Amino acid sequence: MAKDMLVFLDDSPGRLAVLGETLGKAGVNITGLFGAPAGGDAAFHILVEDPSAARRALDAAKFHVHEERDVLVLQMEDRPGELGRLCRRIADADVNIELVYLATNTSLVLGVDNLEKARAVVGAM
């Protein structure tokens, strides 16, 4: 199962390169990535299929994983309205979306406050 890992990097040239090289050398494929400035640092959400190997490699390279969470990874049709349709179903089930980003192959990554309820809603689509 895919996991989202939150890692803060110094906002300086080359830090993302080192993170990518670290995971690559450990044989960990990054299937999704989102990054944004966070008060002097940069917060990166990294989607991986092998979180144990990713954590070992990141720990050994002195990267701190601040959070690791299960997420929904959904294949989306690339057409107008798909995001709204999906998010409406989740909202109507009273599930809050806390994290969203796109990953490889038109995959949508969602971190939600009730994973099982969200899975049931999107499974019925």
PDB file of N, CA and C in Angstrom:
ATOM      1  N   MET A   1       0.841  -1.178   0.000  1.00  0.00           N
ATOM      2  CA  MET A   1       0.000   0.000   0.000  1.00  0.00           C
ATOM      3  C   MET A   1       0.882   1.236   0.000  1.00  0.00           C
ATOM      4  N   ALA A   2       0.510   2.227  -0.790  1.00  0.00           N
ATOM      5  CA  ALA A   2       1.268   3.463  -0.879  1.00  0.00           C
ATOM      6  C   ALA A   2       1.142   4.262   0.413  1.00  0.00           C
ATOM      7  N   LYS A   3       2.227   4.924   0.770  1.00  0.00           N
ATOM      8  CA  LYS A   3       2.260   5.791   1.950  1.00  0.00           C
ATOM      9  C   LYS A   3       2.778   7.156   1.533  1.00  0.00           C
ATOM     10  N   ASP A   4       2.215   8.168   2.185  1.00  0.00           N
ATOM     11  CA  ASP A   4       2.704   9.533   2.034  1.00  0.00           C
ATOM     12  C   ASP A   4       3.636   9.802   3.209  1.00  0.00           C
ATOM     13  N   MET A   5       4.820  10.319   2.895  1.00  0.00           N
ATOM     14  CA  MET A   5       5.792  10.663   3.924  1.00  0.00           C
ATOM     15  C   MET A   5       6.061  12.157   3.838  1.00  0.00           C
ATOM     16  N   LEU A   6       5.997  12.841   4.973  1.00  0.00           N
ATOM     17  CA  LEU A   6       6.266  14.272   5.036  1.00  0.00           C
ATOM     18  C   LEU A   6       7.678  14.491   5.543  1.00  0.00           C
ATOM     19  N   VAL A   7       8.484  15.158   4.714  1.00  0.00           N
ATOM     20  CA  VAL A   7       9.875  15.442   5.044  1.00  0.00           C
ATOM     21  C   VAL A   7      10.102  16.933   4.833  1.00  0.00           C
ATOM     22  N   PHE A   8      10.732  17.592   5.809  1.00  0.00           N
ATOM     23  CA  PHE A   8      11.104  18.998   5.663  1.00  0.00           C
ATOM     24  C   PHE A   8      12.560  19.066   5.238  1.00  0.00           C
ATOM     25  N   LEU A   9      12.829  19.872   4.215  1.00  0.00           N
ATOM     26  CA  LEU A   9      14.187  20.042   3.712  1.00  0.00           C
ATOM     27  C   LEU A   9      14.622  21.488   3.897  1.00  0.00           C
ATOM     28  N   ASP A  10      15.911  21.675   4.153  1.00  0.00           N
ATOM     29  CA  ASP A  10      16.454  23.022   4.154  1.00  0.00           C
ATOM     30  C   ASP A  10      16.174  23.629   2.790  1.00  0.00           C
ATOM     31  N   ASP A  11      15.787  24.877   2.776  1.00  0.00           N
ATOM     32  CA  ASP A  11      15.510  25.564   1.523  1.00  0.00           C
ATOM     33  C   ASP A  11      16.831  26.056   0.918  1.00  0.00           C
ATOM     34  N   SER A  12      17.568  25.103   0.351  1.00  0.00           N
ATOM     35  CA  SER A  12      18.858  25.430  -0.254  1.00  0.00           C
ATOM     36  C   SER A  12      19.084  24.530  -1.464  1.00  0.00           C
ATOM     37  N   PRO A  13      19.906  24.975  -2.396  1.00  0.00           N
ATOM     38  CA  PRO A  13      20.151  24.197  -3.605  1.00  0.00           C
ATOM     39  C   PRO A  13      20.699  22.802  -3.301  1.00  0.00           C
ATOM     40  N   GLY A  14      20.143  21.823  -3.961  1.00  0.00           N
ATOM     41  CA  GLY A  14      20.662  20.464  -3.888  1.00  0.00           C
ATOM     42  C   GLY A  14      20.009  19.544  -2.876  1.00  0.00           C
ATOM     43  N   ARG A  15      19.213  20.075  -1.949  1.00  0.00           N
ATOM     44  CA  ARG A  15      18.631  19.205  -0.922  1.00  0.00           C
ATOM     45  C   ARG A  15      17.648  18.194  -1.513  1.00  0.00           C
ATOM     46  N   LEU A  16      16.815  18.635  -2.450  1.00  0.00           N
ATOM     47  CA  LEU A  16      15.887  17.706  -3.087  1.00  0.00           C
ATOM     48  C   LEU A  16      16.650  16.683  -3.927  1.00  0.00           C
ATOM     49  N   ALA A  17      17.737  17.110  -4.540  1.00  0.00           N
ATOM     50  CA  ALA A  17      18.567  16.177  -5.311  1.00  0.00           C
ATOM     51  C   ALA A  17      19.108  15.076  -4.401  1.00  0.00           C
ATOM     52  N   VAL A  18      19.595  15.450  -3.220  1.00  0.00           N
ATOM     53  CA  VAL A  18      20.133  14.461  -2.278  1.00  0.00           C
ATOM     54  C   VAL A  18      19.030  13.508  -1.829  1.00  0.00           C
ATOM     55  N   LEU A  19      17.854  14.038  -1.547  1.00  0.00           N
ATOM     56  CA  LEU A  19      16.741  13.180  -1.144  1.00  0.00           C
ATOM     57  C   LEU A  19      16.411  12.180  -2.252  1.00  0.00           C
ATOM     58  N   GLY A  20      16.311  12.665  -3.490  1.00  0.00           N
ATOM     59  CA  GLY A  20      16.022  11.783  -4.623  1.00  0.00           C
ATOM     60  C   GLY A  20      17.106  10.745  -4.844  1.00  0.00           C
ATOM     61  N   GLU A  21      18.353  11.164  -4.717  1.00  0.00           N
ATOM     62  CA  GLU A  21      19.471  10.222  -4.872  1.00  0.00           C
ATOM     63  C   GLU A  21      19.457   9.173  -3.761  1.00  0.00           C
ATOM     64  N   THR A  22      19.146   9.609  -2.542  1.00  0.00           N
ATOM     65  CA  THR A  22      19.100   8.695  -1.396  1.00  0.00           C
ATOM     66  C   THR A  22      18.057   7.606  -1.620  1.00  0.00           C
ATOM     67  N   LEU A  23      16.866   7.997  -2.021  1.00  0.00           N
ATOM     68  CA  LEU A  23      15.813   7.014  -2.256  1.00  0.00           C
ATOM     69  C   LEU A  23      16.136   6.141  -3.461  1.00  0.00           C
ATOM     70  N   GLY A  24      16.689   6.733  -4.506  1.00  0.00           N
ATOM     71  CA  GLY A  24      17.060   5.966  -5.694  1.00  0.00           C
ATOM     72  C   GLY A  24      18.092   4.884  -5.400  1.00  0.00           C
ATOM     73  N   LYS A  25      19.109   5.245  -4.619  1.00  0.00           N
ATOM     74  CA  LYS A  25      20.143   4.266  -4.258  1.00  0.00           C
ATOM     75  C   LYS A  25      19.570   3.125  -3.427  1.00  0.00           C
ATOM     76  N   ALA A  26      18.500   3.411  -2.681  1.00  0.00           N
ATOM     77  CA  ALA A  26      17.854   2.375  -1.861  1.00  0.00           C
ATOM     78  C   ALA A  26      16.828   1.586  -2.664  1.00  0.00           C
ATOM     79  N   GLY A  27      16.669   1.913  -3.941  1.00  0.00           N
ATOM     80  CA  GLY A  27      15.712   1.198  -4.786  1.00  0.00           C
ATOM     81  C   GLY A  27      14.268   1.591  -4.541  1.00  0.00           C
ATOM     82  N   VAL A  28      14.044   2.747  -3.917  1.00  0.00           N
ATOM     83  CA  VAL A  28      12.692   3.215  -3.612  1.00  0.00           C
ATOM     84  C   VAL A  28      12.227   4.138  -4.737  1.00  0.00           C
ATOM     85  N   ASN A  29      11.109   3.786  -5.344  1.00  0.00           N
ATOM     86  CA  ASN A  29      10.538   4.600  -6.407  1.00  0.00           C
ATOM     87  C   ASN A  29       9.590   5.642  -5.807  1.00  0.00           C
ATOM     88  N   ILE A  30       9.732   6.878  -6.246  1.00  0.00           N
ATOM     89  CA  ILE A  30       8.826   7.949  -5.841  1.00  0.00           C
ATOM     90  C   ILE A  30       7.714   7.993  -6.887  1.00  0.00           C
ATOM     91  N   THR A  31       6.479   7.722  -6.465  1.00  0.00           N
ATOM     92  CA  THR A  31       5.372   7.713  -7.416  1.00  0.00           C
ATOM     93  C   THR A  31       4.523   8.976  -7.347  1.00  0.00           C
ATOM     94  N   GLY A  32       4.812   9.833  -6.377  1.00  0.00           N
ATOM     95  CA  GLY A  32       4.135  11.115  -6.270  1.00  0.00           C
ATOM     96  C   GLY A  32       4.963  12.045  -5.416  1.00  0.00           C
ATOM     97  N   LEU A  33       4.832  13.349  -5.679  1.00  0.00           N
ATOM     98  CA  LEU A  33       5.640  14.320  -4.958  1.00  0.00           C
ATOM     99  C   LEU A  33       4.938  15.658  -4.956  1.00  0.00           C
ATOM    100  N   PHE A  34       4.943  16.302  -3.802  1.00  0.00           N
ATOM    101  CA  PHE A  34       4.426  17.659  -3.673  1.00  0.00           C
ATOM    102  C   PHE A  34       5.340  18.409  -2.725  1.00  0.00           C
ATOM    103  N   GLY A  35       5.725  19.620  -3.078  1.00  0.00           N
ATOM    104  CA  GLY A  35       6.580  20.412  -2.211  1.00  0.00           C
ATOM    105  C   GLY A  35       6.139  21.856  -2.177  1.00  0.00           C
ATOM    106  N   ALA A  36       6.347  22.502  -1.022  1.00  0.00           N
ATOM    107  CA  ALA A  36       6.000  23.914  -0.855  1.00  0.00           C
ATOM    108  C   ALA A  36       6.842  24.512   0.258  1.00  0.00           C
ATOM    109  N   PRO A  37       7.136  25.825   0.160  1.00  0.00           N
ATOM    110  CA  PRO A  37       7.885  26.486   1.238  1.00  0.00           C
ATOM    111  C   PRO A  37       7.124  26.384   2.559  1.00  0.00           C
ATOM    112  N   ALA A  38       7.887  26.292   3.657  1.00  0.00           N
ATOM    113  CA  ALA A  38       7.268  26.183   4.982  1.00  0.00           C
ATOM    114  C   ALA A  38       8.119  26.934   6.002  1.00  0.00           C
ATOM    115  N   GLY A  39       8.112  28.248   5.935  1.00  0.00           N
ATOM    116  CA  GLY A  39       8.811  29.055   6.926  1.00  0.00           C
ATOM    117  C   GLY A  39      10.306  28.829   6.989  1.00  0.00           C
ATOM    118  N   GLY A  40      11.010  28.989   5.893  1.00  0.00           N
ATOM    119  CA  GLY A  40      12.454  28.801   5.874  1.00  0.00           C
ATOM    120  C   GLY A  40      12.877  27.439   5.397  1.00  0.00           C
ATOM    121  N   ASP A  41      12.026  26.467   5.548  1.00  0.00           N
ATOM    122  CA  ASP A  41      12.282  25.124   5.035  1.00  0.00           C
ATOM    123  C   ASP A  41      11.297  24.870   3.904  1.00  0.00           C
ATOM    124  N   ALA A  42      11.359  23.698   3.346  1.00  0.00           N
ATOM    125  CA  ALA A  42      10.380  23.289   2.343  1.00  0.00           C
ATOM    126  C   ALA A  42       9.783  21.961   2.793  1.00  0.00           C
ATOM    127  N   ALA A  43       8.463  21.880   2.763  1.00  0.00           N
ATOM    128  CA  ALA A  43       7.760  20.653   3.144  1.00  0.00           C
ATOM    129  C   ALA A  43       7.523  19.829   1.890  1.00  0.00           C
ATOM    130  N   PHE A  44       7.939  18.577   1.916  1.00  0.00           N
ATOM    131  CA  PHE A  44       7.744  17.686   0.784  1.00  0.00           C
ATOM    132  C   PHE A  44       6.929  16.478   1.214  1.00  0.00           C
ATOM    133  N   HIS A  45       5.870  16.215   0.463  1.00  0.00           N
ATOM    134  CA  HIS A  45       5.097  14.990   0.617  1.00  0.00           C
ATOM    135  C   HIS A  45       5.584  14.055  -0.480  1.00  0.00           C
ATOM    136  N   ILE A  46       6.013  12.877  -0.077  1.00  0.00           N
ATOM    137  CA  ILE A  46       6.580  11.906  -1.001  1.00  0.00           C
ATOM    138  C   ILE A  46       5.727  10.649  -0.933  1.00  0.00           C
ATOM    139  N   LEU A  47       5.250  10.199  -2.086  1.00  0.00           N
ATOM    140  CA  LEU A  47       4.453   8.981  -2.161  1.00  0.00           C
ATOM    141  C   LEU A  47       5.356   7.827  -2.554  1.00  0.00           C
ATOM    142  N   VAL A  48       5.386   6.775  -1.708  1.00  0.00           N
ATOM    143  CA  VAL A  48       6.235   5.612  -1.971  1.00  0.00           C
ATOM    144  C   VAL A  48       5.442   4.330  -1.730  1.00  0.00           C
ATOM    145  N   GLU A  49       5.835   3.274  -2.420  1.00  0.00           N
ATOM    146  CA  GLU A  49       5.207   1.962  -2.239  1.00  0.00           C
ATOM    147  C   GLU A  49       5.898   1.148  -1.148  1.00  0.00           C
ATOM    148  N   ASP A  50       7.139   1.473  -0.849  1.00  0.00           N
ATOM    149  CA  ASP A  50       7.900   0.728   0.166  1.00  0.00           C
ATOM    150  C   ASP A  50       8.341   1.697   1.264  1.00  0.00           C
ATOM    151  N   PRO A  51       7.428   2.031   2.179  1.00  0.00           N
ATOM    152  CA  PRO A  51       7.764   3.023   3.201  1.00  0.00           C
ATOM    153  C   PRO A  51       8.855   2.571   4.172  1.00  0.00           C
ATOM    154  N   SER A  52       8.978   1.284   4.425  1.00  0.00           N
ATOM    155  CA  SER A  52      10.029   0.802   5.335  1.00  0.00           C
ATOM    156  C   SER A  52      11.409   1.069   4.756  1.00  0.00           C
ATOM    157  N   ALA A  53      11.596   0.730   3.489  1.00  0.00           N
ATOM    158  CA  ALA A  53      12.883   0.976   2.836  1.00  0.00           C
ATOM    159  C   ALA A  53      13.145   2.477   2.716  1.00  0.00           C
ATOM    160  N   ALA A  54      12.100   3.239   2.431  1.00  0.00           N
ATOM    161  CA  ALA A  54      12.257   4.693   2.327  1.00  0.00           C
ATOM    162  C   ALA A  54      12.683   5.281   3.663  1.00  0.00           C
ATOM    163  N   ARG A  55      12.031   4.866   4.732  1.00  0.00           N
ATOM    164  CA  ARG A  55      12.361   5.402   6.059  1.00  0.00           C
ATOM    165  C   ARG A  55      13.789   5.037   6.458  1.00  0.00           C
ATOM    166  N   ARG A  56      14.193   3.791   6.215  1.00  0.00           N
ATOM    167  CA  ARG A  56      15.570   3.380   6.545  1.00  0.00           C
ATOM    168  C   ARG A  56      16.584   4.241   5.802  1.00  0.00           C
ATOM    169  N   ALA A  57      16.352   4.437   4.501  1.00  0.00           N
ATOM    170  CA  ALA A  57      17.283   5.225   3.692  1.00  0.00           C
ATOM    171  C   ALA A  57      17.302   6.688   4.135  1.00  0.00           C
ATOM    172  N   LEU A  58      16.131   7.243   4.383  1.00  0.00           N
ATOM    173  CA  LEU A  58      16.061   8.648   4.797  1.00  0.00           C
ATOM    174  C   LEU A  58      16.687   8.846   6.175  1.00  0.00           C
ATOM    175  N   ASP A  59      16.417   7.935   7.100  1.00  0.00           N
ATOM    176  CA  ASP A  59      17.029   8.024   8.434  1.00  0.00           C
ATOM    177  C   ASP A  59      18.549   7.955   8.344  1.00  0.00           C
ATOM    178  N   ALA A  60      19.063   7.030   7.534  1.00  0.00           N
ATOM    179  CA  ALA A  60      20.518   6.875   7.393  1.00  0.00           C
ATOM    180  C   ALA A  60      21.164   8.124   6.801  1.00  0.00           C
ATOM    181  N   ALA A  61      20.427   8.838   5.966  1.00  0.00           N
ATOM    182  CA  ALA A  61      20.947  10.062   5.337  1.00  0.00           C
ATOM    183  C   ALA A  61      20.623  11.306   6.161  1.00  0.00           C
ATOM    184  N   LYS A  62      20.103  11.110   7.369  1.00  0.00           N
ATOM    185  CA  LYS A  62      19.799  12.204   8.305  1.00  0.00           C
ATOM    186  C   LYS A  62      18.629  13.081   7.875  1.00  0.00           C
ATOM    187  N   PHE A  63      17.719  12.513   7.084  1.00  0.00           N
ATOM    188  CA  PHE A  63      16.458  13.191   6.788  1.00  0.00           C
ATOM    189  C   PHE A  63      15.458  12.717   7.839  1.00  0.00           C
ATOM    190  N   HIS A  64      14.670  13.633   8.359  1.00  0.00           N
ATOM    191  CA  HIS A  64      13.679  13.269   9.363  1.00  0.00           C
ATOM    192  C   HIS A  64      12.296  13.196   8.727  1.00  0.00           C
ATOM    193  N   VAL A  65      11.653  12.039   8.830  1.00  0.00           N
ATOM    194  CA  VAL A  65      10.282  11.879   8.355  1.00  0.00           C
ATOM    195  C   VAL A  65       9.370  12.359   9.484  1.00  0.00           C
ATOM    196  N   HIS A  66       8.687  13.472   9.244  1.00  0.00           N
ATOM    197  CA  HIS A  66       7.838  14.067  10.283  1.00  0.00           C
ATOM    198  C   HIS A  66       6.507  13.341  10.421  1.00  0.00           C
ATOM    199  N   GLU A  67       6.050  12.783   9.332  1.00  0.00           N
ATOM    200  CA  GLU A  67       4.758  12.100   9.366  1.00  0.00           C
ATOM    201  C   GLU A  67       4.727  11.065   8.257  1.00  0.00           C
ATOM    202  N   GLU A  68       4.068   9.956   8.541  1.00  0.00           N
ATOM    203  CA  GLU A  68       3.836   8.911   7.544  1.00  0.00           C
ATOM    204  C   GLU A  68       2.374   8.528   7.666  1.00  0.00           C
ATOM    205  N   ARG A  69       1.676   8.514   6.540  1.00  0.00           N
ATOM    206  CA  ARG A  69       0.249   8.195   6.630  1.00  0.00           C
ATOM    207  C   ARG A  69      -0.214   7.405   5.419  1.00  0.00           C
ATOM    208  N   ASP A  70      -1.225   6.579   5.668  1.00  0.00           N
ATOM    209  CA  ASP A  70      -1.902   5.904   4.572  1.00  0.00           C
ATOM    210  C   ASP A  70      -2.713   6.942   3.820  1.00  0.00           C
ATOM    211  N   VAL A  71      -2.758   6.796   2.519  1.00  0.00           N
ATOM    212  CA  VAL A  71      -3.514   7.716   1.670  1.00  0.00           C
ATOM    213  C   VAL A  71      -4.288   6.930   0.632  1.00  0.00           C
ATOM    214  N   LEU A  72      -5.290   7.563   0.080  1.00  0.00           N
ATOM    215  CA  LEU A  72      -5.983   7.000  -1.078  1.00  0.00           C
ATOM    216  C   LEU A  72      -5.212   7.407  -2.322  1.00  0.00           C
ATOM    217  N   VAL A  73      -5.001   6.485  -3.221  1.00  0.00           N
ATOM    218  CA  VAL A  73      -4.386   6.778  -4.513  1.00  0.00           C
ATOM    219  C   VAL A  73      -5.381   6.301  -5.558  1.00  0.00           C
ATOM    220  N   LEU A  74      -5.979   7.254  -6.235  1.00  0.00           N
ATOM    221  CA  LEU A  74      -7.074   6.957  -7.155  1.00  0.00           C
ATOM    222  C   LEU A  74      -6.698   7.297  -8.582  1.00  0.00           C
ATOM    223  N   GLN A  75      -7.024   6.408  -9.497  1.00  0.00           N
ATOM    224  CA  GLN A  75      -6.835   6.698 -10.916  1.00  0.00           C
ATOM    225  C   GLN A  75      -7.973   7.616 -11.357  1.00  0.00           C
ATOM    226  N   MET A  76      -7.627   8.736 -11.942  1.00  0.00           N
ATOM    227  CA  MET A  76      -8.620   9.731 -12.353  1.00  0.00           C
ATOM    228  C   MET A  76      -8.698   9.812 -13.872  1.00  0.00           C
ATOM    229  N   GLU A  77      -9.887  10.049 -14.364  1.00  0.00           N
ATOM    230  CA  GLU A  77     -10.043  10.377 -15.770  1.00  0.00           C
ATOM    231  C   GLU A  77      -9.560  11.810 -15.954  1.00  0.00           C
ATOM    232  N   ASP A  78      -8.828  12.064 -17.013  1.00  0.00           N
ATOM    233  CA  ASP A  78      -8.309  13.402 -17.293  1.00  0.00           C
ATOM    234  C   ASP A  78      -9.347  14.161 -18.116  1.00  0.00           C
ATOM    235  N   ARG A  79     -10.382  14.663 -17.414  1.00  0.00           N
ATOM    236  CA  ARG A  79     -11.434  15.418 -18.092  1.00  0.00           C
ATOM    237  C   ARG A  79     -12.059  16.405 -17.105  1.00  0.00           C
ATOM    238  N   PRO A  80     -12.650  17.453 -17.625  1.00  0.00           N
ATOM    239  CA  PRO A  80     -13.232  18.478 -16.757  1.00  0.00           C
ATOM    240  C   PRO A  80     -14.283  17.906 -15.813  1.00  0.00           C
ATOM    241  N   GLY A  81     -14.231  18.344 -14.554  1.00  0.00           N
ATOM    242  CA  GLY A  81     -15.243  17.973 -13.578  1.00  0.00           C
ATOM    243  C   GLY A  81     -14.939  16.762 -12.722  1.00  0.00           C
ATOM    244  N   GLU A  82     -13.922  15.984 -13.069  1.00  0.00           N
ATOM    245  CA  GLU A  82     -13.642  14.756 -12.320  1.00  0.00           C
ATOM    246  C   GLU A  82     -13.261  15.034 -10.869  1.00  0.00           C
ATOM    247  N   LEU A  83     -12.419  16.026 -10.648  1.00  0.00           N
ATOM    248  CA  LEU A  83     -12.032  16.347  -9.275  1.00  0.00           C
ATOM    249  C   LEU A  83     -13.249  16.760  -8.456  1.00  0.00           C
ATOM    250  N   GLY A  84     -14.077  17.606  -9.000  1.00  0.00           N
ATOM    251  CA  GLY A  84     -15.277  18.047  -8.292  1.00  0.00           C
ATOM    252  C   GLY A  84     -16.223  16.899  -7.984  1.00  0.00           C
ATOM    253  N   ARG A  85     -16.414  16.015  -8.936  1.00  0.00           N
ATOM    254  CA  ARG A  85     -17.309  14.867  -8.745  1.00  0.00           C
ATOM    255  C   ARG A  85     -16.816  13.970  -7.620  1.00  0.00           C
ATOM    256  N   LEU A  86     -15.538  13.665  -7.633  1.00  0.00           N
ATOM    257  CA  LEU A  86     -14.958  12.803  -6.608  1.00  0.00           C
ATOM    258  C   LEU A  86     -15.006  13.473  -5.229  1.00  0.00           C
ATOM    259  N   CYS A  87     -14.580  14.714  -5.174  1.00  0.00           N
ATOM    260  CA  CYS A  87     -14.539  15.417  -3.888  1.00  0.00           C
ATOM    261  C   CYS A  87     -15.939  15.649  -3.326  1.00  0.00           C
ATOM    262  N   ARG A  88     -16.928  15.848  -4.182  1.00  0.00           N
ATOM    263  CA  ARG A  88     -18.305  16.002  -3.709  1.00  0.00           C
ATOM    264  C   ARG A  88     -18.780  14.731  -3.022  1.00  0.00           C
ATOM    265  N   ARG A  89     -18.487  13.578  -3.599  1.00  0.00           N
ATOM    266  CA  ARG A  89     -18.895  12.300  -2.977  1.00  0.00           C
ATOM    267  C   ARG A  89     -18.246  12.130  -1.613  1.00  0.00           C
ATOM    268  N   ILE A  90     -16.991  12.487  -1.525  1.00  0.00           N
ATOM    269  CA  ILE A  90     -16.281  12.368  -0.251  1.00  0.00           C
ATOM    270  C   ILE A  90     -16.849  13.360   0.761  1.00  0.00           C
ATOM    271  N   ALA A  91     -17.088  14.582   0.338  1.00  0.00           N
ATOM    272  CA  ALA A  91     -17.652  15.603   1.236  1.00  0.00           C
ATOM    273  C   ALA A  91     -19.044  15.215   1.705  1.00  0.00           C
ATOM    274  N   ASP A  92     -19.849  14.675   0.810  1.00  0.00           N
ATOM    275  CA  ASP A  92     -21.211  14.267   1.176  1.00  0.00           C
ATOM    276  C   ASP A  92     -21.212  13.124   2.190  1.00  0.00           C
ATOM    277  N   ALA A  93     -20.093  12.397   2.284  1.00  0.00           N
ATOM    278  CA  ALA A  93     -19.956  11.342   3.289  1.00  0.00           C
ATOM    279  C   ALA A  93     -19.371  11.899   4.590  1.00  0.00           C
ATOM    280  N   ASP A  94     -19.242  13.222   4.660  1.00  0.00           N
ATOM    281  CA  ASP A  94     -18.724  13.919   5.840  1.00  0.00           C
ATOM    282  C   ASP A  94     -17.280  13.526   6.151  1.00  0.00           C
ATOM    283  N   VAL A  95     -16.489  13.359   5.085  1.00  0.00           N
ATOM    284  CA  VAL A  95     -15.063  13.071   5.220  1.00  0.00           C
ATOM    285  C   VAL A  95     -14.309  14.315   4.773  1.00  0.00           C
ATOM    286  N   ASN A  96     -13.347  14.739   5.581  1.00  0.00           N
ATOM    287  CA  ASN A  96     -12.558  15.922   5.267  1.00  0.00           C
ATOM    288  C   ASN A  96     -11.285  15.532   4.527  1.00  0.00           C
ATOM    289  N   ILE A  97     -11.005  16.219   3.423  1.00  0.00           N
ATOM    290  CA  ILE A  97      -9.767  16.015   2.676  1.00  0.00           C
ATOM    291  C   ILE A  97      -8.729  16.956   3.271  1.00  0.00           C
ATOM    292  N   GLU A  98      -7.645  16.384   3.791  1.00  0.00           N
ATOM    293  CA  GLU A  98      -6.602  17.156   4.465  1.00  0.00           C
ATOM    294  C   GLU A  98      -5.362  17.356   3.597  1.00  0.00           C
ATOM    295  N   LEU A  99      -5.230  16.568   2.549  1.00  0.00           N
ATOM    296  CA  LEU A  99      -4.051  16.591   1.694  1.00  0.00           C
ATOM    297  C   LEU A  99      -4.459  16.138   0.308  1.00  0.00           C
ATOM    298  N   VAL A 100      -3.976  16.828  -0.709  1.00  0.00           N
ATOM    299  CA  VAL A 100      -4.276  16.414  -2.085  1.00  0.00           C
ATOM    300  C   VAL A 100      -3.115  16.809  -2.997  1.00  0.00           C
ATOM    301  N   TYR A 101      -2.730  15.895  -3.869  1.00  0.00           N
ATOM    302  CA  TYR A 101      -1.757  16.206  -4.909  1.00  0.00           C
ATOM    303  C   TYR A 101      -1.858  15.158  -6.005  1.00  0.00           C
ATOM    304  N   LEU A 102      -1.329  15.484  -7.158  1.00  0.00           N
ATOM    305  CA  LEU A 102      -1.323  14.552  -8.278  1.00  0.00           C
ATOM    306  C   LEU A 102      -0.036  13.750  -8.274  1.00  0.00           C
ATOM    307  N   ALA A 103      -0.137  12.530  -8.722  1.00  0.00           N
ATOM    308  CA  ALA A 103       1.018  11.643  -8.801  1.00  0.00           C
ATOM    309  C   ALA A 103       1.137  11.136 -10.239  1.00  0.00           C
ATOM    310  N   THR A 104       1.951  10.141 -10.439  1.00  0.00           N
ATOM    311  CA  THR A 104       2.172   9.611 -11.779  1.00  0.00           C
ATOM    312  C   THR A 104       0.906   8.976 -12.348  1.00  0.00           C
ATOM    313  N   ASN A 105       0.820   8.920 -13.649  1.00  0.00           N
ATOM    314  CA  ASN A 105      -0.262   8.242 -14.371  1.00  0.00           C
ATOM    315  C   ASN A 105      -1.654   8.763 -14.005  1.00  0.00           C
ATOM    316  N   THR A 106      -1.799  10.062 -13.868  1.00  0.00           N
ATOM    317  CA  THR A 106      -3.076  10.696 -13.533  1.00  0.00           C
ATOM    318  C   THR A 106      -3.668  10.122 -12.249  1.00  0.00           C
ATOM    319  N   SER A 107      -2.829   9.859 -11.288  1.00  0.00           N
ATOM    320  CA  SER A 107      -3.289   9.396  -9.981  1.00  0.00           C
ATOM    321  C   SER A 107      -3.507  10.601  -9.086  1.00  0.00           C
ATOM    322  N   LEU A 108      -4.565  10.554  -8.311  1.00  0.00           N
ATOM    323  CA  LEU A 108      -4.861  11.591  -7.335  1.00  0.00           C
ATOM    324  C   LEU A 108      -4.591  11.015  -5.954  1.00  0.00           C
ATOM    325  N   VAL A 109      -3.796  11.720  -5.159  1.00  0.00           N
ATOM    326  CA  VAL A 109      -3.454  11.286  -3.812  1.00  0.00           C
ATOM    327  C   VAL A 109      -4.282  12.108  -2.832  1.00  0.00           C
ATOM    328  N   LEU A 110      -4.989  11.426  -1.948  1.00  0.00           N
ATOM    329  CA  LEU A 110      -5.826  12.101  -0.956  1.00  0.00           C
ATOM    330  C   LEU A 110      -5.486  11.604   0.443  1.00  0.00           C
ATOM    331  N   GLY A 111      -5.188  12.539   1.314  1.00  0.00           N
ATOM    332  CA  GLY A 111      -5.092  12.257   2.746  1.00  0.00           C
ATOM    333  C   GLY A 111      -6.394  12.732   3.358  1.00  0.00           C
ATOM    334  N   VAL A 112      -7.069  11.871   4.069  1.00  0.00           N
ATOM    335  CA  VAL A 112      -8.402  12.188   4.605  1.00  0.00           C
ATOM    336  C   VAL A 112      -8.460  11.874   6.089  1.00  0.00           C
ATOM    337  N   ASP A 113      -9.475  12.437   6.753  1.00  0.00           N
ATOM    338  CA  ASP A 113      -9.604  12.211   8.196  1.00  0.00           C
ATOM    339  C   ASP A 113     -10.300  10.902   8.542  1.00  0.00           C
ATOM    340  N   ASN A 114     -10.866  10.214   7.561  1.00  0.00           N
ATOM    341  CA  ASN A 114     -11.500   8.921   7.802  1.00  0.00           C
ATOM    342  C   ASN A 114     -11.262   8.054   6.566  1.00  0.00           C
ATOM    343  N   LEU A 115     -10.152   7.344   6.573  1.00  0.00           N
ATOM    344  CA  LEU A 115      -9.717   6.585   5.404  1.00  0.00           C
ATOM    345  C   LEU A 115     -10.707   5.494   5.011  1.00  0.00           C
ATOM    346  N   GLU A 116     -11.213   4.752   5.962  1.00  0.00           N
ATOM    347  CA  GLU A 116     -12.136   3.657   5.640  1.00  0.00           C
ATOM    348  C   GLU A 116     -13.438   4.168   5.030  1.00  0.00           C
ATOM    349  N   LYS A 117     -13.958   5.230   5.576  1.00  0.00           N
ATOM    350  CA  LYS A 117     -15.197   5.807   5.045  1.00  0.00           C
ATOM    351  C   LYS A 117     -14.964   6.341   3.627  1.00  0.00           C
ATOM    352  N   ALA A 118     -13.839   6.988   3.411  1.00  0.00           N
ATOM    353  CA  ALA A 118     -13.516   7.499   2.072  1.00  0.00           C
ATOM    354  C   ALA A 118     -13.341   6.355   1.073  1.00  0.00           C
ATOM    355  N   ARG A 119     -12.680   5.292   1.495  1.00  0.00           N
ATOM    356  CA  ARG A 119     -12.500   4.121   0.614  1.00  0.00           C
ATOM    357  C   ARG A 119     -13.852   3.556   0.199  1.00  0.00           C
ATOM    358  N   ALA A 120     -14.786   3.486   1.154  1.00  0.00           N
ATOM    359  CA  ALA A 120     -16.115   2.950   0.851  1.00  0.00           C
ATOM    360  C   ALA A 120     -16.833   3.842  -0.159  1.00  0.00           C
ATOM    361  N   VAL A 121     -16.687   5.132  -0.025  1.00  0.00           N
ATOM    362  CA  VAL A 121     -17.370   6.079  -0.926  1.00  0.00           C
ATOM    363  C   VAL A 121     -16.774   5.997  -2.333  1.00  0.00           C
ATOM    364  N   VAL A 122     -15.460   6.015  -2.454  1.00  0.00           N
ATOM    365  CA  VAL A 122     -14.870   6.004  -3.797  1.00  0.00           C
ATOM    366  C   VAL A 122     -14.945   4.629  -4.430  1.00  0.00           C
ATOM    367  N   GLY A 123     -15.023   3.595  -3.613  1.00  0.00           N
ATOM    368  CA  GLY A 123     -15.193   2.250  -4.158  1.00  0.00           C
ATOM    369  C   GLY A 123     -16.539   2.039  -4.804  1.00  0.00           C
ATOM    370  N   ALA A 124     -17.511   2.867  -4.416  1.00  0.00           N
ATOM    371  CA  ALA A 124     -18.872   2.757  -4.957  1.00  0.00           C
ATOM    372  C   ALA A 124     -19.044   3.576  -6.223  1.00  0.00           C
ATOM    373  N   MET A 125     -17.969   4.201  -6.710  1.00  0.00           N
ATOM    374  CA  MET A 125     -18.099   5.053  -7.910  1.00  0.00           C
ATOM    375  C   MET A 125     -18.059   4.234  -9.172  1.00  0.00           C
TER     376      MET A 125
END
